[in-house]
Amino acid sequence: MANGQGKSARILDSFDRAILRIVQADNKLPQRQIAAAVNLSAAAVQRRIAAMEAAGVIARNVAIVDPDAVPLTITSIVEVQLVDERMPTVERARRLFLDTPEVQQCYYVTGGVSFTLVIVTSDMRAYSALTRRLFAENECIASYRSLIALDRVKADTAIVIPPLP
């Protein structure tokens, strides 16, 4: 599955790439419209999408919820430094972050910090309680630094699908 842990064995041709560009923008677009846009039959588009889902190229089909509509008003980017970089420590932190619903994104990174997280909470009180539980009371965490977003300038989920060489 193409989830960062392993890569799909499926080779993407120009039709697959065109389909991916379209469904990233609007996954509810009827397949006949996708077919017309990429010059294939609707049945061919349906087969290709099913094959890309099976191969893990299309990892999930989801609805993207506007945080302001819920409301989730605090978005923070958090840099986390672990006490050490041994695999048991890294895996404990990774599991904790994976199991925390407020952690919207989690990256194991280089450059002086261990993880960079994107966290979304309802308010500052909820954020404070979460940081206490995740970081301040956690013996795996040496330090953390929160950057509170003042404005969501861009929050996109689409990745750039490069053309074939």
Protein backbone atom coordinates (compact mmCIF):
# COMPACT_ATOMS: atom_id res chain seq x y z
CA MET A 1 0.00 0.00 0.00
CA ALA A 2 1.26 3.48 -0.82
CA ASN A 3 1.08 4.87 2.72
CA GLY A 4 4.69 5.88 3.23
CA GLN A 5 5.53 2.40 4.52
CA GLY A 6 5.75 0.70 1.13
CA LYS A 7 5.23 1.60 -2.48
CA SER A 8 2.73 0.24 -4.94
CA ALA A 9 3.99 -2.03 -7.70
CA ARG A 10 1.48 -0.55 -10.16
CA ILE A 11 3.07 1.46 -12.96
CA LEU A 12 1.02 4.57 -13.62
CA ASP A 13 0.53 5.49 -17.25
CA SER A 14 -0.60 8.88 -18.54
CA PHE A 15 -4.30 7.92 -18.25
CA ASP A 16 -3.88 6.87 -14.60
CA ARG A 17 -2.06 10.11 -13.85
CA ALA A 18 -4.78 12.19 -15.52
CA ILE A 19 -7.46 10.33 -13.55
CA LEU A 20 -5.57 10.92 -10.29
CA ARG A 21 -5.32 14.65 -10.97
CA ILE A 22 -9.09 14.81 -11.48
CA VAL A 23 -10.20 12.66 -8.52
CA GLN A 24 -7.91 14.56 -6.15
CA ALA A 25 -9.84 17.71 -7.01
CA ASP A 26 -13.32 16.13 -6.98
CA ASN A 27 -13.72 12.48 -6.04
CA LYS A 28 -17.50 12.64 -6.53
CA LEU A 29 -17.25 13.60 -10.19
CA PRO A 30 -19.18 11.04 -12.25
CA GLN A 31 -16.93 8.55 -13.99
CA ARG A 32 -18.46 9.43 -17.36
CA GLN A 33 -17.19 13.01 -16.89
CA ILE A 34 -13.75 11.75 -15.89
CA ALA A 35 -13.82 9.47 -18.94
CA ALA A 36 -14.63 12.37 -21.25
CA ALA A 37 -11.85 14.47 -19.74
CA VAL A 38 -9.19 11.77 -20.19
CA ASN A 39 -10.46 10.29 -23.46
CA LEU A 40 -11.42 6.84 -22.15
CA SER A 41 -14.68 4.97 -21.68
CA ALA A 42 -16.44 5.16 -18.31
CA ALA A 43 -15.85 1.41 -17.88
CA ALA A 44 -12.11 1.86 -18.46
CA VAL A 45 -12.01 4.68 -15.89
CA GLN A 46 -13.91 2.51 -13.39
CA ARG A 47 -11.44 -0.38 -13.90
CA ARG A 48 -8.43 1.91 -13.54
CA ILE A 49 -9.75 3.52 -10.36
CA ALA A 50 -10.52 0.09 -8.87
CA ALA A 51 -7.03 -1.14 -9.79
CA MET A 52 -5.39 1.95 -8.25
CA GLU A 53 -7.44 1.46 -5.08
CA ALA A 54 -6.45 -2.22 -4.91
CA ALA A 55 -2.78 -1.34 -5.44
CA GLY A 56 -2.88 1.33 -2.73
CA VAL A 57 -2.20 4.20 -5.15
CA ILE A 58 -5.54 5.64 -4.04
CA ALA A 59 -5.18 5.15 -0.31
CA ARG A 60 -8.59 6.39 0.84
CA ASN A 61 -11.72 8.15 -0.32
CA VAL A 62 -12.68 10.76 2.27
CA ALA A 63 -14.66 13.94 2.82
CA ILE A 64 -12.57 16.95 3.77
CA VAL A 65 -14.29 18.84 6.58
CA ASP A 66 -13.77 22.57 7.06
CA PRO A 67 -12.41 22.89 10.64
CA ASP A 68 -14.22 26.21 11.11
CA ALA A 69 -17.57 24.53 10.45
CA VAL A 70 -17.14 22.01 13.29
CA PRO A 71 -15.63 24.29 14.98
CA LEU A 72 -12.02 23.35 15.53
CA THR A 73 -10.36 26.71 15.94
CA ILE A 74 -6.81 25.94 17.07
CA THR A 75 -4.35 24.58 14.54
CA SER A 76 -0.79 24.14 15.74
CA ILE A 77 2.41 22.87 14.24
CA VAL A 78 4.45 21.16 16.92
CA GLU A 79 8.13 20.24 16.79
CA VAL A 80 8.88 17.34 19.11
CA GLN A 81 12.34 16.28 20.28
CA LEU A 82 12.59 12.77 21.72
CA VAL A 83 14.92 11.92 24.62
CA ASP A 84 16.78 9.60 22.23
CA GLU A 85 16.43 8.27 18.71
CA ARG A 86 16.50 4.57 19.56
CA MET A 87 13.84 2.62 17.70
CA PRO A 88 11.82 1.63 20.81
CA THR A 89 11.51 5.32 21.76
CA VAL A 90 10.67 6.36 18.20
CA GLU A 91 8.07 3.58 17.88
CA ARG A 92 6.43 4.50 21.20
CA ALA A 93 6.09 8.11 20.10
CA ARG A 94 4.93 7.12 16.62
CA ARG A 95 2.23 4.86 18.08
CA LEU A 96 1.08 7.56 20.51
CA PHE A 97 0.77 10.14 17.73
CA LEU A 98 -1.00 7.67 15.41
CA ASP A 99 -3.51 6.86 18.15
CA THR A 100 -4.30 10.52 18.95
CA PRO A 101 -7.21 11.78 16.81
CA GLU A 102 -6.27 15.45 17.28
CA VAL A 103 -2.94 14.77 15.55
CA GLN A 104 -3.99 15.39 11.97
CA GLN A 105 -0.53 14.90 10.45
CA CYS A 106 2.67 13.39 11.82
CA TYR A 107 6.11 13.36 10.21
CA TYR A 108 9.27 11.68 11.48
CA VAL A 109 11.89 14.22 10.39
CA THR A 110 15.55 15.19 10.36
CA GLY A 111 17.07 18.53 11.26
CA GLY A 112 17.25 18.79 15.01
CA VAL A 113 13.75 17.59 15.92
CA SER A 114 12.32 14.09 15.88
CA PHE A 115 8.71 14.67 14.79
CA THR A 116 6.68 17.48 13.33
CA LEU A 117 2.94 17.32 14.04
CA VAL A 118 -0.11 19.21 12.86
CA ILE A 119 -2.68 19.25 15.66
CA VAL A 120 -6.25 20.57 15.48
CA THR A 121 -8.31 21.20 18.62
CA SER A 122 -11.49 23.04 19.56
CA ASP A 123 -9.90 25.70 21.76
CA MET A 124 -6.81 26.62 23.74
CA ARG A 125 -7.99 24.75 26.85
CA ALA A 126 -8.28 21.49 24.86
CA TYR A 127 -4.90 22.16 23.24
CA SER A 128 -3.27 22.75 26.62
CA ALA A 129 -4.69 19.50 28.04
CA LEU A 130 -3.53 17.59 24.97
CA THR A 131 0.01 18.97 25.07
CA ARG A 132 0.24 18.13 28.75
CA ARG A 133 -0.80 14.53 28.05
CA LEU A 134 1.26 14.04 24.87
CA PHE A 135 4.43 15.95 25.74
CA ALA A 136 4.81 17.38 29.24
CA GLU A 137 3.89 14.15 31.07
CA ASN A 138 5.63 11.83 28.60
CA GLU A 139 9.10 10.52 29.54
CA CYS A 140 9.90 9.89 25.82
CA ILE A 141 9.72 13.62 25.05
CA ALA A 142 12.74 15.81 25.76
CA SER A 143 11.10 19.01 24.51
CA TYR A 144 8.47 20.41 22.22
CA ARG A 145 7.71 23.73 20.56
CA SER A 146 4.24 24.84 19.48
CA LEU A 147 3.58 27.18 16.60
CA ILE A 148 -0.06 28.32 16.69
CA ALA A 149 -1.49 29.14 13.26
CA LEU A 150 -3.02 32.60 13.00
CA ASP A 151 -4.59 31.95 9.60
CA ARG A 152 -5.01 28.89 7.38
CA VAL A 153 -3.64 30.29 4.13
CA LYS A 154 -3.57 26.97 2.29
CA ALA A 155 -4.60 23.50 3.39
CA ASP A 156 -4.66 21.17 0.43
CA THR A 157 -4.61 17.40 0.29
CA ALA A 158 -3.73 16.99 -3.39
CA ILE A 159 -0.22 15.92 -4.34
CA VAL A 160 1.39 16.92 -7.61
CA ILE A 161 1.15 14.05 -10.09
CA PRO A 162 4.12 14.48 -12.39
CA PRO A 163 3.76 13.70 -16.08
CA LEU A 164 5.54 10.70 -17.51
CA PRO A 165 9.16 11.43 -18.43
